Amino acid sequence: QIALGRLLRVVWLVPVMDRLWVEGAADRRRFLDRMTLSFDPDHA
């Protein structure tokens, strides 16, 4: 799966993320790591 990050950068917003700023830190880390992966494919 890691090889996929070197071909295509995918970032998403879904309705459950509307509460991203008020709920637990785990989802915010995943959101940040998804964007980080778009710049650095080796991040995964």
PDB file of all heavy atoms in Angstrom:
ATOM      1  N   GLN A   1       0.820  -1.205   0.000  1.00  0.00           N
ATOM      2  CA  GLN A   1       0.000   0.000   0.000  1.00  0.00           C
ATOM      3  C   GLN A   1       0.858   1.259   0.000  1.00  0.00           C
ATOM      4  O   GLN A   1       0.465   2.282  -0.587  1.00  0.00           O
ATOM      5  CB  GLN A   1      -0.918   0.016   1.220  1.00  0.00           C
ATOM      6  CG  GLN A   1      -2.021  -1.012   1.203  1.00  0.00           C
ATOM      7  CD  GLN A   1      -2.968  -0.818   2.375  1.00  0.00           C
ATOM      8  OE1 GLN A   1      -3.239   0.306   2.798  1.00  0.00           O
ATOM      9  NE2 GLN A   1      -3.481  -1.911   2.908  1.00  0.00           N
ATOM     10  N   ILE A   2       2.002   1.202   0.637  1.00  0.00           N
ATOM     11  CA  ILE A   2       2.858   2.386   0.740  1.00  0.00           C
ATOM     12  C   ILE A   2       3.237   2.908  -0.637  1.00  0.00           C
ATOM     13  O   ILE A   2       3.359   4.123  -0.848  1.00  0.00           O
ATOM     14  CB  ILE A   2       4.102   2.059   1.587  1.00  0.00           C
ATOM     15  CG1 ILE A   2       3.686   1.866   3.050  1.00  0.00           C
ATOM     16  CG2 ILE A   2       5.157   3.154   1.481  1.00  0.00           C
ATOM     17  CD1 ILE A   2       4.780   1.360   3.947  1.00  0.00           C
ATOM     18  N   ALA A   3       3.391   1.998  -1.608  1.00  0.00           N
ATOM     19  CA  ALA A   3       3.759   2.418  -2.965  1.00  0.00           C
ATOM     20  C   ALA A   3       2.686   3.303  -3.596  1.00  0.00           C
ATOM     21  O   ALA A   3       2.980   4.108  -4.498  1.00  0.00           O
ATOM     22  CB  ALA A   3       4.019   1.194  -3.839  1.00  0.00           C
ATOM     23  N   LEU A   4       1.430   3.181  -3.143  1.00  0.00           N
ATOM     24  CA  LEU A   4       0.359   4.002  -3.700  1.00  0.00           C
ATOM     25  C   LEU A   4       0.611   5.491  -3.462  1.00  0.00           C
ATOM     26  O   LEU A   4       0.270   6.334  -4.293  1.00  0.00           O
ATOM     27  CB  LEU A   4      -0.983   3.605  -3.077  1.00  0.00           C
ATOM     28  CG  LEU A   4      -1.493   2.190  -3.378  1.00  0.00           C
ATOM     29  CD1 LEU A   4      -2.732   1.888  -2.535  1.00  0.00           C
ATOM     30  CD2 LEU A   4      -1.802   2.031  -4.854  1.00  0.00           C
ATOM     31  N   GLY A   5       1.193   5.813  -2.300  1.00  0.00           N
ATOM     32  CA  GLY A   5       1.435   7.215  -1.964  1.00  0.00           C
ATOM     33  C   GLY A   5       2.417   7.896  -2.887  1.00  0.00           C
ATOM     34  O   GLY A   5       2.461   9.131  -2.961  1.00  0.00           O
ATOM     35  N   ARG A   6       3.217   7.115  -3.602  1.00  0.00           N
ATOM     36  CA  ARG A   6       4.189   7.696  -4.529  1.00  0.00           C
ATOM     37  C   ARG A   6       3.576   7.962  -5.899  1.00  0.00           C
ATOM     38  O   ARG A   6       4.178   8.633  -6.719  1.00  0.00           O
ATOM     39  CB  ARG A   6       5.398   6.776  -4.653  1.00  0.00           C
ATOM     40  CG  ARG A   6       6.112   6.545  -3.318  1.00  0.00           C
ATOM     41  CD  ARG A   6       7.397   5.749  -3.479  1.00  0.00           C
ATOM     42  NE  ARG A   6       8.051   5.580  -2.179  1.00  0.00           N
ATOM     43  CZ  ARG A   6       7.938   4.502  -1.416  1.00  0.00           C
ATOM     44  NH1 ARG A   6       7.194   3.471  -1.832  1.00  0.00           N
ATOM     45  NH2 ARG A   6       8.548   4.424  -0.241  1.00  0.00           N
ATOM     46  N   LEU A   7       2.380   7.411  -6.139  1.00  0.00           N
ATOM     47  CA  LEU A   7       1.713   7.601  -7.429  1.00  0.00           C
ATOM     48  C   LEU A   7       0.622   8.655  -7.381  1.00  0.00           C
ATOM     49  O   LEU A   7       0.472   9.452  -8.298  1.00  0.00           O
ATOM     50  CB  LEU A   7       1.079   6.281  -7.888  1.00  0.00           C
ATOM     51  CG  LEU A   7       1.980   5.216  -8.494  1.00  0.00           C
ATOM     52  CD1 LEU A   7       1.125   4.082  -9.043  1.00  0.00           C
ATOM     53  CD2 LEU A   7       2.857   5.785  -9.596  1.00  0.00           C
ATOM     54  N   LEU A   8      -0.158   8.624  -6.313  1.00  0.00           N
ATOM     55  CA  LEU A   8      -1.348   9.465  -6.260  1.00  0.00           C
ATOM     56  C   LEU A   8      -1.493  10.062  -4.868  1.00  0.00           C
ATOM     57  O   LEU A   8      -1.350   9.370  -3.867  1.00  0.00           O
ATOM     58  CB  LEU A   8      -2.585   8.609  -6.583  1.00  0.00           C
ATOM     59  CG  LEU A   8      -3.807   9.302  -7.183  1.00  0.00           C
ATOM     60  CD1 LEU A   8      -3.454   9.940  -8.521  1.00  0.00           C
ATOM     61  CD2 LEU A   8      -4.930   8.293  -7.361  1.00  0.00           C
ATOM     62  N   ARG A   9      -1.767  11.351  -4.812  1.00  0.00           N
ATOM     63  CA  ARG A   9      -1.994  12.035  -3.541  1.00  0.00           C
ATOM     64  C   ARG A   9      -3.499  12.261  -3.392  1.00  0.00           C
ATOM     65  O   ARG A   9      -4.116  12.902  -4.242  1.00  0.00           O
ATOM     66  CB  ARG A   9      -1.244  13.361  -3.513  1.00  0.00           C
ATOM     67  CG  ARG A   9       0.269  13.194  -3.638  1.00  0.00           C
ATOM     68  CD  ARG A   9       0.945  14.508  -3.993  1.00  0.00           C
ATOM     69  NE  ARG A   9       2.392  14.400  -3.927  1.00  0.00           N
ATOM     70  CZ  ARG A   9       3.163  13.992  -4.921  1.00  0.00           C
ATOM     71  NH1 ARG A   9       2.606  13.645  -6.083  1.00  0.00           N
ATOM     72  NH2 ARG A   9       4.462  13.928  -4.782  1.00  0.00           N
ATOM     73  N   VAL A  10      -4.060  11.748  -2.322  1.00  0.00           N
ATOM     74  CA  VAL A  10      -5.505  11.817  -2.117  1.00  0.00           C
ATOM     75  C   VAL A  10      -5.788  12.439  -0.754  1.00  0.00           C
ATOM     76  O   VAL A  10      -5.283  11.965   0.261  1.00  0.00           O
ATOM     77  CB  VAL A  10      -6.154  10.419  -2.204  1.00  0.00           C
ATOM     78  CG1 VAL A  10      -7.673  10.540  -2.127  1.00  0.00           C
ATOM     79  CG2 VAL A  10      -5.747   9.696  -3.493  1.00  0.00           C
ATOM     80  N   VAL A  11      -6.598  13.496  -0.745  1.00  0.00           N
ATOM     81  CA  VAL A  11      -6.993  14.186   0.493  1.00  0.00           C
ATOM     82  C   VAL A  11      -8.513  14.276   0.493  1.00  0.00           C
ATOM     83  O   VAL A  11      -9.125  14.495  -0.553  1.00  0.00           O
ATOM     84  CB  VAL A  11      -6.376  15.598   0.565  1.00  0.00           C
ATOM     85  CG1 VAL A  11      -6.845  16.334   1.810  1.00  0.00           C
ATOM     86  CG2 VAL A  11      -4.855  15.523   0.526  1.00  0.00           C
ATOM     87  N   TRP A  12      -9.138  14.090   1.679  1.00  0.00           N
ATOM     88  CA  TRP A  12     -10.598  14.110   1.700  1.00  0.00           C
ATOM     89  C   TRP A  12     -11.171  14.863   2.877  1.00  0.00           C
ATOM     90  O   TRP A  12     -10.539  15.035   3.909  1.00  0.00           O
ATOM     91  CB  TRP A  12     -11.150  12.687   1.679  1.00  0.00           C
ATOM     92  CG  TRP A  12     -10.665  11.766   2.756  1.00  0.00           C
ATOM     93  CD1 TRP A  12     -11.047  11.718   4.057  1.00  0.00           C
ATOM     94  CD2 TRP A  12      -9.693  10.719   2.600  1.00  0.00           C
ATOM     95  NE1 TRP A  12     -10.392  10.716   4.724  1.00  0.00           N
ATOM     96  CE2 TRP A  12      -9.556  10.082   3.852  1.00  0.00           C
ATOM     97  CE3 TRP A  12      -8.932  10.248   1.521  1.00  0.00           C
ATOM     98  CZ2 TRP A  12      -8.689   9.003   4.053  1.00  0.00           C
ATOM     99  CZ3 TRP A  12      -8.063   9.184   1.725  1.00  0.00           C
ATOM    100  CH2 TRP A  12      -7.951   8.578   2.971  1.00  0.00           C
ATOM    101  N   LEU A  13     -12.418  15.304   2.651  1.00  0.00           N
ATOM    102  CA  LEU A  13     -13.272  15.855   3.702  1.00  0.00           C
ATOM    103  C   LEU A  13     -14.591  15.117   3.642  1.00  0.00           C
ATOM    104  O   LEU A  13     -15.221  15.044   2.584  1.00  0.00           O
ATOM    105  CB  LEU A  13     -13.520  17.349   3.501  1.00  0.00           C
ATOM    106  CG  LEU A  13     -12.371  18.315   3.783  1.00  0.00           C
ATOM    107  CD1 LEU A  13     -12.825  19.752   3.520  1.00  0.00           C
ATOM    108  CD2 LEU A  13     -11.887  18.179   5.214  1.00  0.00           C
ATOM    109  N   VAL A  14     -15.004  14.562   4.768  1.00  0.00           N
ATOM    110  CA  VAL A  14     -16.282  13.850   4.852  1.00  0.00           C
ATOM    111  C   VAL A  14     -17.063  14.430   6.022  1.00  0.00           C
ATOM    112  O   VAL A  14     -16.496  15.062   6.921  1.00  0.00           O
ATOM    113  CB  VAL A  14     -16.045  12.335   5.029  1.00  0.00           C
ATOM    114  CG1 VAL A  14     -15.366  11.750   3.798  1.00  0.00           C
ATOM    115  CG2 VAL A  14     -15.197  12.036   6.272  1.00  0.00           C
ATOM    116  N   PRO A  15     -18.398  14.252   6.031  1.00  0.00           N
ATOM    117  CA  PRO A  15     -19.209  14.900   7.066  1.00  0.00           C
ATOM    118  C   PRO A  15     -18.775  14.618   8.493  1.00  0.00           C
ATOM    119  O   PRO A  15     -18.885  15.501   9.360  1.00  0.00           O
ATOM    120  CB  PRO A  15     -20.614  14.350   6.783  1.00  0.00           C
ATOM    121  CG  PRO A  15     -20.624  14.108   5.315  1.00  0.00           C
ATOM    122  CD  PRO A  15     -19.245  13.615   4.998  1.00  0.00           C
ATOM    123  N   VAL A  16     -18.272  13.417   8.772  1.00  0.00           N
ATOM    124  CA  VAL A  16     -17.869  13.105  10.143  1.00  0.00           C
ATOM    125  C   VAL A  16     -16.727  14.006  10.605  1.00  0.00           C
ATOM    126  O   VAL A  16     -16.540  14.223  11.807  1.00  0.00           O
ATOM    127  CB  VAL A  16     -17.471  11.617  10.263  1.00  0.00           C
ATOM    128  CG1 VAL A  16     -16.158  11.333   9.549  1.00  0.00           C
ATOM    129  CG2 VAL A  16     -17.400  11.186  11.721  1.00  0.00           C
ATOM    130  N   MET A  17     -15.982  14.585   9.646  1.00  0.00           N
ATOM    131  CA  MET A  17     -14.865  15.463   9.986  1.00  0.00           C
ATOM    132  C   MET A  17     -15.328  16.874  10.341  1.00  0.00           C
ATOM    133  O   MET A  17     -14.512  17.699  10.754  1.00  0.00           O
ATOM    134  CB  MET A  17     -13.859  15.497   8.834  1.00  0.00           C
ATOM    135  CG  MET A  17     -13.179  14.159   8.600  1.00  0.00           C
ATOM    136  SD  MET A  17     -12.231  14.100   7.045  1.00  0.00           S
ATOM    137  CE  MET A  17     -10.945  15.292   7.403  1.00  0.00           C
ATOM    138  N   ASP A  18     -16.615  17.151  10.180  1.00  0.00           N
ATOM    139  CA  ASP A  18     -17.113  18.474  10.558  1.00  0.00           C
ATOM    140  C   ASP A  18     -16.863  18.771  12.031  1.00  0.00           C
ATOM    141  O   ASP A  18     -16.818  19.927  12.443  1.00  0.00           O
ATOM    142  CB  ASP A  18     -18.609  18.598  10.250  1.00  0.00           C
ATOM    143  CG  ASP A  18     -18.896  18.653   8.754  1.00  0.00           C
ATOM    144  OD1 ASP A  18     -17.933  18.808   7.976  1.00  0.00           O
ATOM    145  OD2 ASP A  18     -20.078  18.516   8.373  1.00  0.00           O
ATOM    146  N   ARG A  19     -16.690  17.724  12.835  1.00  0.00           N
ATOM    147  CA  ARG A  19     -16.425  17.889  14.265  1.00  0.00           C
ATOM    148  C   ARG A  19     -14.954  17.663  14.592  1.00  0.00           C
ATOM    149  O   ARG A  19     -14.592  17.420  15.746  1.00  0.00           O
ATOM    150  CB  ARG A  19     -17.308  16.930  15.070  1.00  0.00           C
ATOM    151  CG  ARG A  19     -18.790  17.263  14.973  1.00  0.00           C
ATOM    152  CD  ARG A  19     -19.636  16.357  15.861  1.00  0.00           C
ATOM    153  NE  ARG A  19     -19.213  16.390  17.259  1.00  0.00           N
ATOM    154  CZ  ARG A  19     -19.531  17.333  18.121  1.00  0.00           C
ATOM    155  NH1 ARG A  19     -20.282  18.362  17.740  1.00  0.00           N
ATOM    156  NH2 ARG A  19     -19.106  17.287  19.371  1.00  0.00           N
ATOM    157  N   LEU A  20     -14.109  17.765  13.576  1.00  0.00           N
ATOM    158  CA  LEU A  20     -12.685  17.478  13.757  1.00  0.00           C
ATOM    159  C   LEU A  20     -12.056  18.323  14.859  1.00  0.00           C
ATOM    160  O   LEU A  20     -11.227  17.839  15.632  1.00  0.00           O
ATOM    161  CB  LEU A  20     -11.943  17.731  12.437  1.00  0.00           C
ATOM    162  CG  LEU A  20     -10.477  17.299  12.408  1.00  0.00           C
ATOM    163  CD1 LEU A  20     -10.372  15.794  12.215  1.00  0.00           C
ATOM    164  CD2 LEU A  20      -9.721  18.006  11.280  1.00  0.00           C
ATOM    165  N   TRP A  21     -12.461  19.599  14.951  1.00  0.00           N
ATOM    166  CA  TRP A  21     -11.798  20.512  15.884  1.00  0.00           C
ATOM    167  C   TRP A  21     -12.280  20.357  17.318  1.00  0.00           C
ATOM    168  O   TRP A  21     -11.664  20.907  18.230  1.00  0.00           O
ATOM    169  CB  TRP A  21     -11.998  21.961  15.436  1.00  0.00           C
ATOM    170  CG  TRP A  21     -11.523  22.229  14.048  1.00  0.00           C
ATOM    171  CD1 TRP A  21     -12.277  22.635  12.987  1.00  0.00           C
ATOM    172  CD2 TRP A  21     -10.186  22.106  13.561  1.00  0.00           C
ATOM    173  NE1 TRP A  21     -11.493  22.764  11.868  1.00  0.00           N
ATOM    174  CE2 TRP A  21     -10.200  22.449  12.192  1.00  0.00           C
ATOM    175  CE3 TRP A  21      -8.969  21.731  14.142  1.00  0.00           C
ATOM    176  CZ2 TRP A  21      -9.063  22.438  11.395  1.00  0.00           C
ATOM    177  CZ3 TRP A  21      -7.823  21.707  13.339  1.00  0.00           C
ATOM    178  CH2 TRP A  21      -7.880  22.061  12.000  1.00  0.00           C
ATOM    179  N   VAL A  22     -13.372  19.625  17.528  1.00  0.00           N
ATOM    180  CA  VAL A  22     -13.925  19.549  18.883  1.00  0.00           C
ATOM    181  C   VAL A  22     -13.844  18.152  19.481  1.00  0.00           C
ATOM    182  O   VAL A  22     -14.163  17.975  20.664  1.00  0.00           O
ATOM    183  CB  VAL A  22     -15.396  20.037  18.910  1.00  0.00           C
ATOM    184  CG1 VAL A  22     -15.473  21.494  18.511  1.00  0.00           C
ATOM    185  CG2 VAL A  22     -16.288  19.180  18.022  1.00  0.00           C
ATOM    186  N   GLU A  23     -13.429  17.175  18.710  1.00  0.00           N
ATOM    187  CA  GLU A  23     -13.346  15.818  19.242  1.00  0.00           C
ATOM    188  C   GLU A  23     -11.898  15.410  19.481  1.00  0.00           C
ATOM    189  O   GLU A  23     -11.030  16.257  19.643  1.00  0.00           O
ATOM    190  CB  GLU A  23     -14.105  14.864  18.316  1.00  0.00           C
ATOM    191  CG  GLU A  23     -15.601  15.202  18.291  1.00  0.00           C
ATOM    192  CD  GLU A  23     -16.463  14.113  17.697  1.00  0.00           C
ATOM    193  OE1 GLU A  23     -15.946  13.254  16.970  1.00  0.00           O
ATOM    194  OE2 GLU A  23     -17.687  14.137  17.968  1.00  0.00           O
ATOM    195  N   GLY A  24     -11.610  14.111  19.521  1.00  0.00           N
ATOM    196  CA  GLY A  24     -10.304  13.630  19.935  1.00  0.00           C
ATOM    197  C   GLY A  24      -9.177  13.958  18.973  1.00  0.00           C
ATOM    198  O   GLY A  24      -9.394  14.239  17.792  1.00  0.00           O
ATOM    199  N   ALA A  25      -7.950  13.896  19.498  1.00  0.00           N
ATOM    200  CA  ALA A  25      -6.765  14.261  18.721  1.00  0.00           C
ATOM    201  C   ALA A  25      -6.437  13.263  17.630  1.00  0.00           C
ATOM    202  O   ALA A  25      -5.774  13.612  16.645  1.00  0.00           O
ATOM    203  CB  ALA A  25      -5.559  14.409  19.657  1.00  0.00           C
ATOM    204  N   ALA A  26      -6.874  12.008  17.760  1.00  0.00           N
ATOM    205  CA  ALA A  26      -6.497  10.974  16.793  1.00  0.00           C
ATOM    206  C   ALA A  26      -6.931  11.338  15.377  1.00  0.00           C
ATOM    207  O   ALA A  26      -6.163  11.170  14.419  1.00  0.00           O
ATOM    208  CB  ALA A  26      -7.086   9.627  17.199  1.00  0.00           C
ATOM    209  N   ASP A  27      -8.155  11.856  15.227  1.00  0.00           N
ATOM    210  CA  ASP A  27      -8.634  12.227  13.893  1.00  0.00           C
ATOM    211  C   ASP A  27      -7.856  13.412  13.338  1.00  0.00           C
ATOM    212  O   ASP A  27      -7.615  13.500  12.131  1.00  0.00           O
ATOM    213  CB  ASP A  27     -10.128  12.546  13.929  1.00  0.00           C
ATOM    214  CG  ASP A  27     -10.972  11.295  14.102  1.00  0.00           C
ATOM    215  OD1 ASP A  27     -10.490  10.196  13.753  1.00  0.00           O
ATOM    216  OD2 ASP A  27     -12.115  11.406  14.599  1.00  0.00           O
ATOM    217  N   ARG A  28      -7.463  14.349  14.196  1.00  0.00           N
ATOM    218  CA  ARG A  28      -6.678  15.494  13.719  1.00  0.00           C
ATOM    219  C   ARG A  28      -5.286  15.031  13.267  1.00  0.00           C
ATOM    220  O   ARG A  28      -4.742  15.545  12.288  1.00  0.00           O
ATOM    221  CB  ARG A  28      -6.577  16.564  14.819  1.00  0.00           C
ATOM    222  CG  ARG A  28      -7.891  17.296  15.051  1.00  0.00           C
ATOM    223  CD  ARG A  28      -7.724  18.485  15.980  1.00  0.00           C
ATOM    224  NE  ARG A  28      -7.488  18.082  17.365  1.00  0.00           N
ATOM    225  CZ  ARG A  28      -8.445  17.795  18.239  1.00  0.00           C
ATOM    226  NH1 ARG A  28      -9.712  17.821  17.860  1.00  0.00           N
ATOM    227  NH2 ARG A  28      -8.157  17.459  19.482  1.00  0.00           N
ATOM    228  N   ARG A  29      -4.710  14.065  13.989  1.00  0.00           N
ATOM    229  CA  ARG A  29      -3.413  13.524  13.543  1.00  0.00           C
ATOM    230  C   ARG A  29      -3.551  12.863  12.175  1.00  0.00           C
ATOM    231  O   ARG A  29      -2.691  13.039  11.307  1.00  0.00           O
ATOM    232  CB  ARG A  29      -2.873  12.518  14.559  1.00  0.00           C
ATOM    233  CG  ARG A  29      -2.271  13.125  15.797  1.00  0.00           C
ATOM    234  CD  ARG A  29      -1.482  12.099  16.584  1.00  0.00           C
ATOM    235  NE  ARG A  29      -2.296  10.980  17.042  1.00  0.00           N
ATOM    236  CZ  ARG A  29      -2.970  10.961  18.189  1.00  0.00           C
ATOM    237  NH1 ARG A  29      -2.934  12.007  18.990  1.00  0.00           N
ATOM    238  NH2 ARG A  29      -3.676   9.900  18.543  1.00  0.00           N
ATOM    239  N   ARG A  30      -4.629  12.081  11.985  1.00  0.00           N
ATOM    240  CA  ARG A  30      -4.827  11.422  10.689  1.00  0.00           C
ATOM    241  C   ARG A  30      -5.008  12.445   9.576  1.00  0.00           C
ATOM    242  O   ARG A  30      -4.498  12.272   8.463  1.00  0.00           O
ATOM    243  CB  ARG A  30      -6.025  10.471  10.747  1.00  0.00           C
ATOM    244  CG  ARG A  30      -5.691   9.133  11.386  1.00  0.00           C
ATOM    245  CD  ARG A  30      -6.791   8.112  11.145  1.00  0.00           C
ATOM    246  NE  ARG A  30      -7.963   8.391  11.938  1.00  0.00           N
ATOM    247  CZ  ARG A  30      -8.172   7.904  13.160  1.00  0.00           C
ATOM    248  NH1 ARG A  30      -7.279   7.108  13.710  1.00  0.00           N
ATOM    249  NH2 ARG A  30      -9.271   8.192  13.823  1.00  0.00           N
ATOM    250  N   PHE A  31      -5.753  13.521   9.870  1.00  0.00           N
ATOM    251  CA  PHE A  31      -5.953  14.588   8.890  1.00  0.00           C
ATOM    252  C   PHE A  31      -4.621  15.226   8.515  1.00  0.00           C
ATOM    253  O   PHE A  31      -4.313  15.421   7.323  1.00  0.00           O
ATOM    254  CB  PHE A  31      -6.911  15.627   9.485  1.00  0.00           C
ATOM    255  CG  PHE A  31      -7.180  16.810   8.601  1.00  0.00           C
ATOM    256  CD1 PHE A  31      -7.831  16.662   7.392  1.00  0.00           C
ATOM    257  CD2 PHE A  31      -6.793  18.094   8.994  1.00  0.00           C
ATOM    258  CE1 PHE A  31      -8.092  17.761   6.576  1.00  0.00           C
ATOM    259  CE2 PHE A  31      -7.054  19.194   8.201  1.00  0.00           C
ATOM    260  CZ  PHE A  31      -7.705  19.024   6.985  1.00  0.00           C
ATOM    261  N   LEU A  32      -3.800  15.527   9.506  1.00  0.00           N
ATOM    262  CA  LEU A  32      -2.493  16.112   9.242  1.00  0.00           C
ATOM    263  C   LEU A  32      -1.586  15.131   8.504  1.00  0.00           C
ATOM    264  O   LEU A  32      -0.888  15.517   7.549  1.00  0.00           O
ATOM    265  CB  LEU A  32      -1.844  16.544  10.560  1.00  0.00           C
ATOM    266  CG  LEU A  32      -0.403  17.066  10.467  1.00  0.00           C
ATOM    267  CD1 LEU A  32      -0.296  18.258   9.510  1.00  0.00           C
ATOM    268  CD2 LEU A  32       0.115  17.451  11.852  1.00  0.00           C
ATOM    269  N   ASP A  33      -1.604  13.872   8.895  1.00  0.00           N
ATOM    270  CA  ASP A  33      -0.746  12.891   8.241  1.00  0.00           C
ATOM    271  C   ASP A  33      -1.160  12.655   6.796  1.00  0.00           C
ATOM    272  O   ASP A  33      -0.312  12.379   5.939  1.00  0.00           O
ATOM    273  CB  ASP A  33      -0.750  11.572   9.020  1.00  0.00           C
ATOM    274  CG  ASP A  33       0.115  11.624  10.264  1.00  0.00           C
ATOM    275  OD1 ASP A  33       1.033  12.457  10.310  1.00  0.00           O
ATOM    276  OD2 ASP A  33      -0.128  10.831  11.204  1.00  0.00           O
ATOM    277  N   ARG A  34      -2.457  12.761   6.498  1.00  0.00           N
ATOM    278  CA  ARG A  34      -2.900  12.619   5.112  1.00  0.00           C
ATOM    279  C   ARG A  34      -2.328  13.741   4.259  1.00  0.00           C
ATOM    280  O   ARG A  34      -1.869  13.510   3.134  1.00  0.00           O
ATOM    281  CB  ARG A  34      -4.433  12.629   5.084  1.00  0.00           C
ATOM    282  CG  ARG A  34      -5.080  12.587   3.718  1.00  0.00           C
ATOM    283  CD  ARG A  34      -4.766  11.384   2.914  1.00  0.00           C
ATOM    284  NE  ARG A  34      -4.923  10.119   3.633  1.00  0.00           N
ATOM    285  CZ  ARG A  34      -4.659   8.928   3.117  1.00  0.00           C
ATOM    286  NH1 ARG A  34      -4.207   8.853   1.876  1.00  0.00           N
ATOM    287  NH2 ARG A  34      -4.814   7.834   3.824  1.00  0.00           N
ATOM    288  N   MET A  35      -2.328  14.974   4.774  1.00  0.00           N
ATOM    289  CA  MET A  35      -1.734  16.085   4.034  1.00  0.00           C
ATOM    290  C   MET A  35      -0.214  15.944   3.966  1.00  0.00           C
ATOM    291  O   MET A  35       0.404  16.233   2.933  1.00  0.00           O
ATOM    292  CB  MET A  35      -2.138  17.421   4.669  1.00  0.00           C
ATOM    293  CG  MET A  35      -3.620  17.738   4.506  1.00  0.00           C
ATOM    294  SD  MET A  35      -4.066  19.442   4.978  1.00  0.00           S
ATOM    295  CE  MET A  35      -3.865  19.333   6.751  1.00  0.00           C
ATOM    296  N   THR A  36       0.403  15.492   5.055  1.00  0.00           N
ATOM    297  CA  THR A  36       1.851  15.292   5.064  1.00  0.00           C
ATOM    298  C   THR A  36       2.257  14.274   4.010  1.00  0.00           C
ATOM    299  O   THR A  36       3.271  14.441   3.312  1.00  0.00           O
ATOM    300  CB  THR A  36       2.319  14.832   6.453  1.00  0.00           C
ATOM    301  OG1 THR A  36       1.939  15.820   7.418  1.00  0.00           O
ATOM    302  CG2 THR A  36       3.825  14.638   6.493  1.00  0.00           C
ATOM    303  N   LEU A  37       1.465  13.217   3.865  1.00  0.00           N
ATOM    304  CA  LEU A  37       1.735  12.193   2.866  1.00  0.00           C
ATOM    305  C   LEU A  37       1.731  12.767   1.456  1.00  0.00           C
ATOM    306  O   LEU A  37       2.476  12.309   0.585  1.00  0.00           O
ATOM    307  CB  LEU A  37       0.691  11.082   2.989  1.00  0.00           C
ATOM    308  CG  LEU A  37       0.812   9.884   2.044  1.00  0.00           C
ATOM    309  CD1 LEU A  37       2.121   9.141   2.270  1.00  0.00           C
ATOM    310  CD2 LEU A  37      -0.376   8.946   2.242  1.00  0.00           C
ATOM    311  N   SER A  38       0.915  13.786   1.219  1.00  0.00           N
ATOM    312  CA  SER A  38       0.868  14.382  -0.115  1.00  0.00           C
ATOM    313  C   SER A  38       2.180  15.084  -0.462  1.00  0.00           C
ATOM    314  O   SER A  38       2.553  15.165  -1.633  1.00  0.00           O
ATOM    315  CB  SER A  38      -0.304  15.371  -0.215  1.00  0.00           C
ATOM    316  OG  SER A  38      -0.057  16.567   0.508  1.00  0.00           O
ATOM    317  N   PHE A  39       2.900  15.580   0.540  1.00  0.00           N
ATOM    318  CA  PHE A  39       4.192  16.219   0.309  1.00  0.00           C
ATOM    319  C   PHE A  39       5.349  15.225   0.402  1.00  0.00           C
ATOM    320  O   PHE A  39       6.364  15.379  -0.282  1.00  0.00           O
ATOM    321  CB  PHE A  39       4.424  17.343   1.328  1.00  0.00           C
ATOM    322  CG  PHE A  39       3.428  18.465   1.251  1.00  0.00           C
ATOM    323  CD1 PHE A  39       2.498  18.657   2.252  1.00  0.00           C
ATOM    324  CD2 PHE A  39       3.421  19.322   0.159  1.00  0.00           C
ATOM    325  CE1 PHE A  39       1.575  19.681   2.186  1.00  0.00           C
ATOM    326  CE2 PHE A  39       2.497  20.360   0.076  1.00  0.00           C
ATOM    327  CZ  PHE A  39       1.567  20.541   1.093  1.00  0.00           C
ATOM    328  N   ASP A  40       5.213  14.249   1.266  1.00  0.00           N
ATOM    329  CA  ASP A  40       6.294  13.301   1.549  1.00  0.00           C
ATOM    330  C   ASP A  40       5.743  11.880   1.454  1.00  0.00           C
ATOM    331  O   ASP A  40       5.232  11.341   2.433  1.00  0.00           O
ATOM    332  CB  ASP A  40       6.855  13.562   2.953  1.00  0.00           C
ATOM    333  CG  ASP A  40       7.957  12.577   3.339  1.00  0.00           C
ATOM    334  OD1 ASP A  40       8.396  11.800   2.475  1.00  0.00           O
ATOM    335  OD2 ASP A  40       8.371  12.599   4.518  1.00  0.00           O
ATOM    336  N   PRO A  41       5.833  11.238   0.273  1.00  0.00           N
ATOM    337  CA  PRO A  41       5.273   9.895   0.099  1.00  0.00           C
ATOM    338  C   PRO A  41       5.862   8.854   1.045  1.00  0.00           C
ATOM    339  O   PRO A  41       5.240   7.813   1.281  1.00  0.00           O
ATOM    340  CB  PRO A  41       5.612   9.557  -1.363  1.00  0.00           C
ATOM    341  CG  PRO A  41       5.771  10.883  -2.037  1.00  0.00           C
ATOM    342  CD  PRO A  41       6.366  11.774  -0.993  1.00  0.00           C
ATOM    343  N   ASP A  42       7.056   9.113   1.598  1.00  0.00           N
ATOM    344  CA  ASP A  42       7.668   8.162   2.524  1.00  0.00           C
ATOM    345  C   ASP A  42       7.115   8.283   3.944  1.00  0.00           C
ATOM    346  O   ASP A  42       7.467   7.478   4.814  1.00  0.00           O
ATOM    347  CB  ASP A  42       9.195   8.361   2.557  1.00  0.00           C
ATOM    348  CG  ASP A  42       9.849   7.973   1.239  1.00  0.00           C
ATOM    349  OD1 ASP A  42       9.333   7.051   0.575  1.00  0.00           O
ATOM    350  OD2 ASP A  42      10.864   8.594   0.864  1.00  0.00           O
ATOM    351  N   HIS A  43       6.265   9.278   4.163  1.00  0.00           N
ATOM    352  CA  HIS A  43       5.734   9.495   5.514  1.00  0.00           C
ATOM    353  C   HIS A  43       4.939   8.284   6.005  1.00  0.00           C
ATOM    354  O   HIS A  43       5.003   7.928   7.188  1.00  0.00           O
ATOM    355  CB  HIS A  43       4.862  10.746   5.536  1.00  0.00           C
ATOM    356  CG  HIS A  43       4.360  11.133   6.891  1.00  0.00           C
ATOM    357  ND1 HIS A  43       5.193  11.521   7.918  1.00  0.00           N
ATOM    358  CD2 HIS A  43       3.089  11.175   7.401  1.00  0.00           C
ATOM    359  CE1 HIS A  43       4.472  11.799   8.997  1.00  0.00           C
ATOM    360  NE2 HIS A  43       3.202  11.589   8.711  1.00  0.00           N
ATOM    361  N   ALA A  44       4.200   7.635   5.104  1.00  0.00           N
ATOM    362  CA  ALA A  44       3.411   6.467   5.499  1.00  0.00           C
ATOM    363  C   ALA A  44       4.313   5.365   6.039  1.00  0.00           C
ATOM    364  O   ALA A  44       3.988   4.715   7.044  1.00  0.00           O
ATOM    365  CB  ALA A  44       2.591   5.953   4.321  1.00  0.00           C
TER     366      ALA A  44
END
